[in-house]
PDB file of N, CA and C in Angstrom:
ATOM      1  N   MET A   1       0.831  -1.158  -0.001  1.00  0.00           N
ATOM      2  CA  MET A   1       0.018  -0.003  -0.002  1.00  0.00           C
ATOM      3  C   MET A   1       0.868   1.241  -0.010  1.00  0.00           C
ATOM      4  N   LYS A   2       0.629   2.154  -0.874  1.00  0.00           N
ATOM      5  CA  LYS A   2       1.398   3.360  -1.034  1.00  0.00           C
ATOM      6  C   LYS A   2       0.935   4.375   0.007  1.00  0.00           C
ATOM      7  N   LYS A   3       1.979   4.940   0.729  1.00  0.00           N
ATOM      8  CA  LYS A   3       1.649   5.959   1.700  1.00  0.00           C
ATOM      9  C   LYS A   3       1.780   7.335   1.084  1.00  0.00           C
ATOM     10  N   THR A   4       0.847   8.189   1.381  1.00  0.00           N
ATOM     11  CA  THR A   4       0.892   9.554   0.853  1.00  0.00           C
ATOM     12  C   THR A   4       0.829  10.515   2.032  1.00  0.00           C
ATOM     13  N   SER A   5       1.534  11.582   1.904  1.00  0.00           N
ATOM     14  CA  SER A   5       1.536  12.592   2.973  1.00  0.00           C
ATOM     15  C   SER A   5       0.422  13.590   2.698  1.00  0.00           C
ATOM     16  N   PRO A   6      -0.289  13.972   3.734  1.00  0.00           N
ATOM     17  CA  PRO A   6      -1.277  15.027   3.562  1.00  0.00           C
ATOM     18  C   PRO A   6      -0.633  16.326   3.190  1.00  0.00           C
ATOM     19  N   ASN A   7      -1.330  17.187   2.479  1.00  0.00           N
ATOM     20  CA  ASN A   7      -0.850  18.472   2.181  1.00  0.00           C
ATOM     21  C   ASN A   7      -1.217  19.469   3.266  1.00  0.00           C
ATOM     22  N   LEU A   8      -0.228  20.047   3.948  1.00  0.00           N
ATOM     23  CA  LEU A   8      -0.435  21.024   4.948  1.00  0.00           C
ATOM     24  C   LEU A   8      -0.107  22.411   4.467  1.00  0.00           C
ATOM     25  N   SER A   9      -0.921  23.360   4.812  1.00  0.00           N
ATOM     26  CA  SER A   9      -0.604  24.770   4.496  1.00  0.00           C
ATOM     27  C   SER A   9      -1.141  25.663   5.633  1.00  0.00           C
ATOM     28  N   TYR A  10      -0.443  26.808   5.784  1.00  0.00           N
ATOM     29  CA  TYR A  10      -0.838  27.748   6.782  1.00  0.00           C
ATOM     30  C   TYR A  10      -0.916  29.150   6.187  1.00  0.00           C
ATOM     31  N   ASP A  11      -2.060  29.807   6.368  1.00  0.00           N
ATOM     32  CA  ASP A  11      -2.287  31.134   5.923  1.00  0.00           C
ATOM     33  C   ASP A  11      -2.157  32.049   7.115  1.00  0.00           C
ATOM     34  N   SER A  12      -1.058  32.709   7.252  1.00  0.00           N
ATOM     35  CA  SER A  12      -0.819  33.521   8.455  1.00  0.00           C
ATOM     36  C   SER A  12      -1.712  34.761   8.510  1.00  0.00           C
ATOM     37  N   ASP A  13      -2.142  35.284   7.352  1.00  0.00           N
ATOM     38  CA  ASP A  13      -3.060  36.441   7.375  1.00  0.00           C
ATOM     39  C   ASP A  13      -4.410  36.069   7.909  1.00  0.00           C
ATOM     40  N   ALA A  14      -4.890  34.828   7.507  1.00  0.00           N
ATOM     41  CA  ALA A  14      -6.209  34.409   7.996  1.00  0.00           C
ATOM     42  C   ALA A  14      -6.083  33.528   9.267  1.00  0.00           C
ATOM     43  N   ASP A  15      -4.863  33.132   9.606  1.00  0.00           N
ATOM     44  CA  ASP A  15      -4.595  32.231  10.761  1.00  0.00           C
ATOM     45  C   ASP A  15      -5.357  30.922  10.646  1.00  0.00           C
ATOM     46  N   VAL A  16      -5.267  30.344   9.447  1.00  0.00           N
ATOM     47  CA  VAL A  16      -5.994  29.108   9.117  1.00  0.00           C
ATOM     48  C   VAL A  16      -4.951  28.009   8.714  1.00  0.00           C
ATOM     49  N   LEU A  17      -5.002  26.909   9.406  1.00  0.00           N
ATOM     50  CA  LEU A  17      -4.169  25.746   8.995  1.00  0.00           C
ATOM     51  C   LEU A  17      -5.068  24.797   8.255  1.00  0.00           C
ATOM     52  N   SER A  18      -4.599  24.403   7.031  1.00  0.00           N
ATOM     53  CA  SER A  18      -5.383  23.513   6.194  1.00  0.00           C
ATOM     54  C   SER A  18      -4.685  22.152   5.992  1.00  0.00           C
ATOM     55  N   LEU A  19      -5.430  21.136   6.058  1.00  0.00           N
ATOM     56  CA  LEU A  19      -4.910  19.751   5.834  1.00  0.00           C
ATOM     57  C   LEU A  19      -5.765  19.101   4.785  1.00  0.00           C
ATOM     58  N   ALA A  20      -5.163  18.968   3.618  1.00  0.00           N
ATOM     59  CA  ALA A  20      -5.874  18.258   2.494  1.00  0.00           C
ATOM     60  C   ALA A  20      -5.463  16.810   2.533  1.00  0.00           C
ATOM     61  N   GLY A  21      -6.420  15.913   2.589  1.00  0.00           N
ATOM     62  CA  GLY A  21      -6.159  14.486   2.634  1.00  0.00           C
ATOM     63  C   GLY A  21      -5.813  13.951   1.244  1.00  0.00           C
ATOM     64  N   SER A  22      -5.468  12.698   1.242  1.00  0.00           N
ATOM     65  CA  SER A  22      -5.093  12.046  -0.016  1.00  0.00           C
ATOM     66  C   SER A  22      -6.318  11.706  -0.899  1.00  0.00           C
ATOM     67  N   ALA A  23      -7.499  11.731  -0.312  1.00  0.00           N
ATOM     68  CA  ALA A  23      -8.722  11.457  -1.068  1.00  0.00           C
ATOM     69  C   ALA A  23      -8.973  12.621  -2.024  1.00  0.00           C
ATOM     70  N   GLN A  24      -9.319  12.289  -3.216  1.00  0.00           N
ATOM     71  CA  GLN A  24      -9.618  13.331  -4.214  1.00  0.00           C
ATOM     72  C   GLN A  24     -11.144  13.454  -4.362  1.00  0.00           C
ATOM     73  N   GLY A  25     -11.571  14.610  -4.692  1.00  0.00           N
ATOM     74  CA  GLY A  25     -12.994  14.806  -4.904  1.00  0.00           C
ATOM     75  C   GLY A  25     -13.367  16.287  -4.847  1.00  0.00           C
ATOM     76  N   VAL A  26     -14.546  16.527  -5.304  1.00  0.00           N
ATOM     77  CA  VAL A  26     -15.079  17.903  -5.325  1.00  0.00           C
ATOM     78  C   VAL A  26     -15.822  18.116  -4.001  1.00  0.00           C
ATOM     79  N   ILE A  27     -15.519  19.211  -3.366  1.00  0.00           N
ATOM     80  CA  ILE A  27     -16.161  19.544  -2.094  1.00  0.00           C
ATOM     81  C   ILE A  27     -17.667  19.791  -2.335  1.00  0.00           C
ATOM     82  N   ASP A  28     -18.504  19.088  -1.619  1.00  0.00           N
ATOM     83  CA  ASP A  28     -19.942  19.243  -1.738  1.00  0.00           C
ATOM     84  C   ASP A  28     -20.557  19.987  -0.548  1.00  0.00           C
ATOM     85  N   HIS A  29     -20.014  19.694   0.638  1.00  0.00           N
ATOM     86  CA  HIS A  29     -20.565  20.331   1.837  1.00  0.00           C
ATOM     87  C   HIS A  29     -19.500  20.345   2.946  1.00  0.00           C
ATOM     88  N   ALA A  30     -19.761  21.052   4.004  1.00  0.00           N
ATOM     89  CA  ALA A  30     -18.826  21.112   5.116  1.00  0.00           C
ATOM     90  C   ALA A  30     -19.570  21.060   6.448  1.00  0.00           C
ATOM     91  N   SER A  31     -18.844  20.602   7.490  1.00  0.00           N
ATOM     92  CA  SER A  31     -19.426  20.603   8.823  1.00  0.00           C
ATOM     93  C   SER A  31     -18.426  21.389   9.693  1.00  0.00           C
ATOM     94  N   GLU A  32     -18.988  22.229  10.546  1.00  0.00           N
ATOM     95  CA  GLU A  32     -18.137  23.065  11.425  1.00  0.00           C
ATOM     96  C   GLU A  32     -18.378  22.672  12.884  1.00  0.00           C
ATOM     97  N   LEU A  33     -17.290  22.512  13.608  1.00  0.00           N
ATOM     98  CA  LEU A  33     -17.363  22.239  15.035  1.00  0.00           C
ATOM     99  C   LEU A  33     -16.356  23.121  15.711  1.00  0.00           C
ATOM    100  N   GLY A  34     -16.777  24.170  16.301  1.00  0.00           N
ATOM    101  CA  GLY A  34     -15.827  25.092  16.935  1.00  0.00           C
ATOM    102  C   GLY A  34     -14.908  25.687  15.857  1.00  0.00           C
ATOM    103  N   ASN A  35     -13.584  25.520  16.100  1.00  0.00           N
ATOM    104  CA  ASN A  35     -12.613  26.075  15.149  1.00  0.00           C
ATOM    105  C   ASN A  35     -12.272  25.091  14.035  1.00  0.00           C
ATOM    106  N   PHE A  36     -12.902  23.953  13.939  1.00  0.00           N
ATOM    107  CA  PHE A  36     -12.627  22.949  12.970  1.00  0.00           C
ATOM    108  C   PHE A  36     -13.728  22.890  11.909  1.00  0.00           C
ATOM    109  N   VAL A  37     -13.323  22.952  10.650  1.00  0.00           N
ATOM    110  CA  VAL A  37     -14.227  22.824   9.542  1.00  0.00           C
ATOM    111  C   VAL A  37     -13.761  21.638   8.683  1.00  0.00           C
ATOM    112  N   VAL A  38     -14.628  20.650   8.506  1.00  0.00           N
ATOM    113  CA  VAL A  38     -14.314  19.512   7.654  1.00  0.00           C
ATOM    114  C   VAL A  38     -15.164  19.591   6.387  1.00  0.00           C
ATOM    115  N   HIS A  39     -14.518  19.468   5.265  1.00  0.00           N
ATOM    116  CA  HIS A  39     -15.177  19.551   3.938  1.00  0.00           C
ATOM    117  C   HIS A  39     -15.302  18.119   3.402  1.00  0.00           C
ATOM    118  N   PHE A  40     -16.464  17.771   2.864  1.00  0.00           N
ATOM    119  CA  PHE A  40     -16.747  16.440   2.417  1.00  0.00           C
ATOM    120  C   PHE A  40     -17.145  16.468   0.934  1.00  0.00           C
ATOM    121  N   THR A  41     -16.960  15.292   0.269  1.00  0.00           N
ATOM    122  CA  THR A  41     -17.492  15.107  -1.070  1.00  0.00           C
ATOM    123  C   THR A  41     -18.977  14.730  -0.952  1.00  0.00           C
ATOM    124  N   LYS A  42     -19.606  14.590  -2.061  1.00  0.00           N
ATOM    125  CA  LYS A  42     -21.017  14.172  -2.118  1.00  0.00           C
ATOM    126  C   LYS A  42     -21.218  12.811  -1.464  1.00  0.00           C
ATOM    127  N   ASP A  43     -20.169  11.979  -1.519  1.00  0.00           N
ATOM    128  CA  ASP A  43     -20.201  10.645  -0.922  1.00  0.00           C
ATOM    129  C   ASP A  43     -19.728  10.627   0.544  1.00  0.00           C
ATOM    130  N   ASN A  44     -19.677  11.824   1.135  1.00  0.00           N
ATOM    131  CA  ASN A  44     -19.283  12.002   2.506  1.00  0.00           C
ATOM    132  C   ASN A  44     -17.863  11.556   2.858  1.00  0.00           C
ATOM    133  N   LYS A  45     -16.967  11.711   1.889  1.00  0.00           N
ATOM    134  CA  LYS A  45     -15.550  11.403   2.119  1.00  0.00           C
ATOM    135  C   LYS A  45     -14.903  12.731   2.546  1.00  0.00           C
ATOM    136  N   PRO A  46     -14.179  12.767   3.651  1.00  0.00           N
ATOM    137  CA  PRO A  46     -13.495  14.027   4.034  1.00  0.00           C
ATOM    138  C   PRO A  46     -12.310  14.293   3.129  1.00  0.00           C
ATOM    139  N   VAL A  47     -12.244  15.501   2.609  1.00  0.00           N
ATOM    140  CA  VAL A  47     -11.119  15.860   1.701  1.00  0.00           C
ATOM    141  C   VAL A  47     -10.321  17.031   2.209  1.00  0.00           C
ATOM    142  N   LEU A  48     -10.828  17.812   3.124  1.00  0.00           N
ATOM    143  CA  LEU A  48     -10.109  18.991   3.611  1.00  0.00           C
ATOM    144  C   LEU A  48     -10.568  19.295   5.014  1.00  0.00           C
ATOM    145  N   VAL A  49      -9.591  19.547   5.894  1.00  0.00           N
ATOM    146  CA  VAL A  49      -9.859  20.024   7.263  1.00  0.00           C
ATOM    147  C   VAL A  49      -9.161  21.341   7.434  1.00  0.00           C
ATOM    148  N   GLU A  50      -9.902  22.301   7.957  1.00  0.00           N
ATOM    149  CA  GLU A  50      -9.373  23.601   8.244  1.00  0.00           C
ATOM    150  C   GLU A  50      -9.486  23.877   9.717  1.00  0.00           C
ATOM    151  N   ILE A  51      -8.439  24.414  10.287  1.00  0.00           N
ATOM    152  CA  ILE A  51      -8.401  24.823  11.669  1.00  0.00           C
ATOM    153  C   ILE A  51      -8.389  26.362  11.688  1.00  0.00           C
ATOM    154  N   LEU A  52      -9.495  26.940  12.136  1.00  0.00           N
ATOM    155  CA  LEU A  52      -9.586  28.375  12.208  1.00  0.00           C
ATOM    156  C   LEU A  52      -8.917  28.900  13.485  1.00  0.00           C
ATOM    157  N   GLU A  53      -8.366  30.095  13.406  1.00  0.00           N
ATOM    158  CA  GLU A  53      -7.656  30.625  14.573  1.00  0.00           C
ATOM    159  C   GLU A  53      -6.606  29.613  15.063  1.00  0.00           C
ATOM    160  N   ALA A  54      -5.832  29.104  14.131  1.00  0.00           N
ATOM    161  CA  ALA A  54      -4.877  28.010  14.428  1.00  0.00           C
ATOM    162  C   ALA A  54      -3.902  28.375  15.493  1.00  0.00           C
ATOM    163  N   SER A  55      -3.411  29.602  15.518  1.00  0.00           N
ATOM    164  CA  SER A  55      -2.435  29.946  16.541  1.00  0.00           C
ATOM    165  C   SER A  55      -3.027  29.855  17.951  1.00  0.00           C
ATOM    166  N   LYS A  56      -4.333  30.132  18.091  1.00  0.00           N
ATOM    167  CA  LYS A  56      -4.948  29.977  19.408  1.00  0.00           C
ATOM    168  C   LYS A  56      -5.170  28.510  19.746  1.00  0.00           C
ATOM    169  N   VAL A  57      -5.518  27.712  18.720  1.00  0.00           N
ATOM    170  CA  VAL A  57      -5.733  26.280  18.957  1.00  0.00           C
ATOM    171  C   VAL A  57      -4.448  25.616  19.436  1.00  0.00           C
ATOM    172  N   PHE A  58      -3.350  25.982  18.848  1.00  0.00           N
ATOM    173  CA  PHE A  58      -2.050  25.417  19.187  1.00  0.00           C
ATOM    174  C   PHE A  58      -1.279  26.227  20.218  1.00  0.00           C
ATOM    175  N   SER A  59      -1.932  27.174  20.887  1.00  0.00           N
ATOM    176  CA  SER A  59      -1.203  28.038  21.801  1.00  0.00           C
ATOM    177  C   SER A  59      -0.626  27.243  22.973  1.00  0.00           C
ATOM    178  N   ALA A  60      -1.118  26.070  23.296  1.00  0.00           N
ATOM    179  CA  ALA A  60      -0.583  25.259  24.357  1.00  0.00           C
ATOM    180  C   ALA A  60       0.715  24.560  23.889  1.00  0.00           C
ATOM    181  N   SER A  61       0.991  24.607  22.618  1.00  0.00           N
ATOM    182  CA  SER A  61       2.188  23.958  22.107  1.00  0.00           C
ATOM    183  C   SER A  61       3.438  24.697  22.604  1.00  0.00           C
ATOM    184  N   PRO A  62       4.520  23.963  22.934  1.00  0.00           N
ATOM    185  CA  PRO A  62       5.739  24.660  23.435  1.00  0.00           C
ATOM    186  C   PRO A  62       6.408  25.525  22.382  1.00  0.00           C
ATOM    187  N   LYS A  63       6.121  25.326  21.082  1.00  0.00           N
ATOM    188  CA  LYS A  63       6.708  26.086  20.013  1.00  0.00           C
ATOM    189  C   LYS A  63       5.615  26.864  19.326  1.00  0.00           C
ATOM    190  N   PRO A  64       5.922  28.090  18.914  1.00  0.00           N
ATOM    191  CA  PRO A  64       4.933  28.848  18.100  1.00  0.00           C
ATOM    192  C   PRO A  64       4.615  28.105  16.834  1.00  0.00           C
ATOM    193  N   ILE A  65       3.428  28.273  16.286  1.00  0.00           N
ATOM    194  CA  ILE A  65       2.941  27.517  15.146  1.00  0.00           C
ATOM    195  C   ILE A  65       3.883  27.707  13.924  1.00  0.00           C
ATOM    196  N   ARG A  66       4.480  28.897  13.773  1.00  0.00           N
ATOM    197  CA  ARG A  66       5.295  29.124  12.609  1.00  0.00           C
ATOM    198  C   ARG A  66       6.684  28.441  12.771  1.00  0.00           C
ATOM    199  N   LYS A  67       7.028  27.940  13.944  1.00  0.00           N
ATOM    200  CA  LYS A  67       8.311  27.348  14.198  1.00  0.00           C
ATOM    201  C   LYS A  67       8.280  25.815  14.072  1.00  0.00           C
ATOM    202  N   ILE A  68       7.116  25.256  13.860  1.00  0.00           N
ATOM    203  CA  ILE A  68       7.002  23.827  13.690  1.00  0.00           C
ATOM    204  C   ILE A  68       7.737  23.385  12.436  1.00  0.00           C
ATOM    205  N   ALA A  69       8.432  22.275  12.533  1.00  0.00           N
ATOM    206  CA  ALA A  69       9.287  21.848  11.438  1.00  0.00           C
ATOM    207  C   ALA A  69       8.510  21.157  10.340  1.00  0.00           C
ATOM    208  N   ILE A  70       7.712  21.902   9.682  1.00  0.00           N
ATOM    209  CA  ILE A  70       6.916  21.424   8.511  1.00  0.00           C
ATOM    210  C   ILE A  70       7.190  22.405   7.390  1.00  0.00           C
ATOM    211  N   PRO A  71       7.602  21.905   6.195  1.00  0.00           N
ATOM    212  CA  PRO A  71       7.980  22.798   5.139  1.00  0.00           C
ATOM    213  C   PRO A  71       6.942  23.879   4.792  1.00  0.00           C
ATOM    214  N   ALA A  72       5.630  23.558   4.958  1.00  0.00           N
ATOM    215  CA  ALA A  72       4.603  24.546   4.615  1.00  0.00           C
ATOM    216  C   ALA A  72       4.652  25.746   5.513  1.00  0.00           C
ATOM    217  N   PHE A  73       5.314  25.671   6.630  1.00  0.00           N
ATOM    218  CA  PHE A  73       5.402  26.768   7.594  1.00  0.00           C
ATOM    219  C   PHE A  73       6.614  27.591   7.349  1.00  0.00           C
ATOM    220  N   ALA A  74       7.543  27.153   6.540  1.00  0.00           N
ATOM    221  CA  ALA A  74       8.823  27.848   6.372  1.00  0.00           C
ATOM    222  C   ALA A  74       8.633  29.127   5.583  1.00  0.00           C
TER     223      ALA A  74
END
């Protein structure tokens, strides 16, 4: 089974961390729970997770969100 890495990106202006899964599909609808928004295909497969106000969500982290060793943050 081939392993794929999810696509991470961070928009510092909007303070939104996005995680696109390996599943492909057109977004049909989304569900929001607090600072988390999960986007689904028509077949209810999750394709994108957004964390709103990401710096607040990860404020308990010992490192600031921009310092996490993920290329998307560089």
